[in-house]
Protein backbone atom coordinates (compact mmCIF):
# COMPACT_ATOMS: atom_id res chain seq x y z
CA UNK A 1 0.38 0.55 -0.14
CA UNK A 2 2.87 2.22 0.79
CA UNK A 3 4.88 2.46 -2.07
CA UNK A 4 1.89 2.86 -4.21
CA UNK A 5 1.01 5.91 -2.49
CA UNK A 6 4.40 6.53 -3.06
CA UNK A 7 4.45 5.67 -6.85
CA UNK A 8 1.01 7.76 -6.62
CA UNK A 9 2.42 11.55 -5.60
CA UNK A 10 5.82 11.31 -7.32
CA UNK A 11 3.27 10.98 -10.17
CA UNK A 12 0.85 14.23 -9.62
CA UNK A 13 4.92 15.68 -8.08
CA UNK A 14 6.06 15.04 -11.29
CA UNK A 15 3.35 16.19 -13.35
CA UNK A 16 2.41 19.27 -11.46
CA UNK A 17 6.23 20.06 -12.00
CA UNK A 18 5.75 20.01 -15.70
CA UNK A 19 1.85 22.07 -15.57
CA UNK A 20 4.14 24.70 -13.55
CA UNK A 21 7.45 24.88 -15.42
CA UNK A 22 7.58 27.55 -17.57
CA UNK A 23 11.26 27.22 -18.93
CA UNK A 24 12.46 30.56 -17.25
CA UNK A 25 11.95 29.23 -13.13
CA UNK A 26 12.75 26.40 -11.02
CA UNK A 27 11.44 22.88 -12.11
CA UNK A 28 9.24 21.51 -8.89
CA UNK A 29 11.68 18.42 -8.44
CA UNK A 30 11.70 15.59 -5.32
CA UNK A 31 14.43 16.45 -3.68
CA UNK A 32 16.69 13.45 -2.31
CA UNK A 33 20.16 14.27 -0.92
CA UNK A 34 20.31 17.88 0.73
CA UNK A 35 23.88 19.22 0.19
CA UNK A 36 25.55 21.05 3.01
CA UNK A 37 28.04 24.09 2.92
CA UNK A 38 30.94 21.35 4.20
CA UNK A 39 31.81 18.40 1.39
CA UNK A 40 33.51 16.44 3.91
CA UNK A 41 30.90 15.69 6.23
CA UNK A 42 29.12 13.03 4.42
CA UNK A 43 25.37 13.74 3.78
CA UNK A 44 22.69 10.52 4.05
CA UNK A 45 20.43 10.10 2.35
CA UNK A 46 16.74 10.44 4.24
CA UNK A 47 13.46 11.54 3.64
CA UNK A 48 12.70 14.82 2.77
CA UNK A 49 8.73 15.93 2.90
CA UNK A 50 7.86 17.28 -0.52
CA UNK A 51 7.14 20.94 -1.45
CA UNK A 52 4.32 22.75 -1.13
CA UNK A 53 3.04 23.78 -4.40
CA UNK A 54 3.06 28.02 -4.81
CA UNK A 55 1.59 29.43 -7.63
CA UNK A 56 3.56 31.30 -9.23
CA UNK A 57 1.87 34.63 -11.14
CA UNK A 58 3.04 34.41 -15.57
CA UNK A 59 4.24 37.08 -17.36
CA UNK A 60 1.01 38.14 -19.67
CA UNK A 61 2.58 40.32 -21.99
CA UNK A 62 1.08 43.87 -22.66
CA UNK A 63 -0.85 44.00 -26.21
CA UNK A 64 -0.28 47.76 -27.44
CA UNK A 65 -1.97 49.73 -29.67
CA UNK A 66 -0.45 50.25 -32.69
CA UNK A 67 -0.08 54.39 -33.92
CA UNK A 68 -2.08 54.42 -36.88
CA UNK A 69 0.55 56.71 -39.62
CA UNK A 70 -0.84 60.18 -40.10
CA UNK A 71 -1.84 61.34 -43.39
CA UNK A 72 1.78 62.59 -44.72
CA UNK A 73 1.93 65.44 -47.25
CA UNK A 74 3.37 64.67 -50.88
CA UNK A 75 4.56 67.63 -52.77
CA UNK A 76 3.54 68.50 -55.79
CA UNK A 77 6.10 68.68 -58.83
CA UNK A 78 5.71 71.15 -61.26
CA UNK A 79 8.14 70.90 -64.05
CA UNK A 80 9.13 74.27 -65.62
CA UNK A 81 10.81 74.39 -68.49
CA UNK A 82 13.12 76.92 -69.00
CA UNK A 83 13.88 77.42 -72.75
CA UNK A 84 17.56 78.10 -73.55
CA UNK A 85 17.98 79.99 -77.35
CA UNK A 86 21.60 78.79 -78.17
CA UNK A 87 22.88 79.81 -81.14
CA UNK A 88 24.63 76.69 -82.66
CA UNK A 89 27.74 76.79 -85.48
CA UNK A 90 26.48 74.00 -88.42
CA UNK A 91 30.12 73.64 -90.45
CA UNK A 92 29.79 74.96 -93.73
CA UNK A 93 30.15 71.61 -96.17
CA UNK A 94 33.07 72.55 -98.96
CA UNK A 95 33.19 69.84 -102.20
CA UNK A 96 36.91 69.20 -103.27
CA UNK A 97 37.38 67.62 -106.19
CA UNK A 98 39.10 64.27 -105.34
CA UNK A 99 40.98 62.69 -108.55
CA UNK A 100 40.60 59.18 -107.37
CA UNK A 101 42.93 56.50 -108.73
CA UNK A 102 41.45 53.69 -111.37
CA UNK A 103 43.61 50.48 -110.34
CA UNK A 104 45.30 48.49 -112.88
CA UNK A 105 43.63 45.05 -113.93
CA UNK A 106 45.54 42.33 -111.93
CA UNK A 107 46.63 39.02 -112.76
CA UNK A 108 43.43 36.72 -111.41
CA UNK A 109 45.11 33.44 -110.13
CA UNK A 110 44.19 30.29 -111.25
CA UNK A 111 42.75 27.88 -109.09
CA UNK A 112 44.45 24.62 -109.27
CA UNK A 113 42.45 22.09 -107.10
CA UNK A 114 45.19 19.89 -105.08
CA UNK A 115 43.98 16.85 -103.98
CA UNK A 116 43.66 16.35 -100.13
CA UNK A 117 47.23 14.64 -98.26
CA UNK A 118 46.69 10.99 -97.84
CA UNK A 119 48.12 10.92 -94.45
CA UNK A 120 49.64 7.90 -93.15
CA UNK A 121 49.87 6.86 -89.53
CA UNK A 122 53.88 6.34 -88.49
CA UNK A 123 53.72 4.12 -85.66
CA UNK A 124 55.97 6.30 -83.10
CA UNK A 125 58.71 4.64 -81.93
CA UNK A 126 58.38 3.38 -77.79
CA UNK A 127 61.60 4.00 -76.28
CA UNK A 128 62.59 -0.16 -74.16
CA UNK A 129 64.32 0.87 -71.43
CA UNK A 130 67.43 -0.19 -70.97
CA UNK A 131 67.68 -3.81 -69.14
CA UNK A 132 68.50 -3.56 -65.70
CA UNK A 133 70.30 -5.78 -63.42
CA UNK A 134 68.28 -7.33 -61.64
CA UNK A 135 69.98 -9.51 -58.14
CA UNK A 136 68.14 -13.24 -58.71
CA UNK A 137 69.17 -15.05 -55.45
CA UNK A 138 70.65 -18.11 -56.14
CA UNK A 139 70.48 -20.80 -53.47
CA UNK A 140 73.81 -22.70 -53.61
CA UNK A 141 73.88 -25.91 -51.76
CA UNK A 142 76.37 -25.88 -48.67
CA UNK A 143 79.26 -28.31 -49.72
CA UNK A 144 78.47 -31.52 -48.46
CA UNK A 145 81.83 -32.82 -45.86
CA UNK A 146 83.28 -35.84 -47.15
CA UNK A 147 85.22 -37.47 -44.62
CA UNK A 148 89.03 -38.54 -46.67
CA UNK A 149 89.89 -41.75 -44.61
CA UNK A 150 93.88 -40.45 -43.74
CA UNK A 151 96.75 -42.83 -44.28
CA UNK A 152 97.87 -44.28 -40.86
CA UNK A 153 101.02 -45.43 -41.24
CA UNK A 154 101.49 -49.34 -40.29
CA UNK A 155 103.98 -49.81 -37.86
CA UNK A 156 106.10 -51.89 -39.67
CA UNK A 157 108.16 -54.59 -37.42
CA UNK A 158 112.10 -54.09 -36.20
CA UNK A 159 113.62 -56.84 -36.79
CA UNK A 160 115.27 -58.08 -32.97
CA UNK A 161 118.03 -59.63 -33.05
CA UNK A 162 117.27 -63.00 -31.70
CA UNK A 163 120.80 -64.24 -29.81
CA UNK A 164 121.60 -67.91 -30.70
CA UNK A 165 123.14 -69.41 -28.83
CA UNK A 166 126.47 -71.61 -30.29
CA UNK A 167 127.18 -74.26 -28.19
CA UNK A 168 130.79 -75.36 -29.31
CA UNK A 169 131.86 -79.01 -28.87
CA UNK A 170 135.15 -79.31 -28.02
CA UNK A 171 137.26 -82.50 -29.37
CA UNK A 172 137.38 -85.43 -27.55
CA UNK A 173 141.41 -85.61 -27.04
CA UNK A 174 142.18 -88.86 -26.80
CA UNK A 175 145.07 -89.64 -24.32
CA UNK A 176 147.22 -92.14 -24.38
CA UNK A 177 146.09 -94.01 -21.55
CA UNK A 178 147.39 -93.24 -18.01
CA UNK A 179 148.25 -96.93 -16.45
CA UNK A 180 147.15 -96.07 -12.86
CA UNK A 181 149.12 -96.65 -9.96
């Protein structure tokens, strides 16, 4: 019930504010937060009573009567023509007898009809640009390293002198038998 009452009060207040607002004054809208002089103080939003509607008298423009134009006297212009008696001297025409030379007969040029030249379209020489060096990237493969077998010297067996024992046979000397005593 209370939210419905608040909504209806809000709608009526907005309608009154639209009706009372004339574009020059303050629109009547609900105040929710009172801003204090000291901004350091925290203002807690609280319920503020609805301001009473005060009828502001609207400015009514006073229509003034338009002034009626008075008749302006129009001056009467009378054109006055003054005749000026001026003597204009007319120059006397003196006829001079001038001998007009008769032109001699001149040869009439014979018109020779020349046929219209036939235009042969010559092909225009188009300059061919000189060839310029274009670097071509050639991928050279890395050389394949073939391991070369080194010739390992084979050790030659050294001649080891073998001591051969020479058995000398002593010749048996047969002596004369000695008599045993």
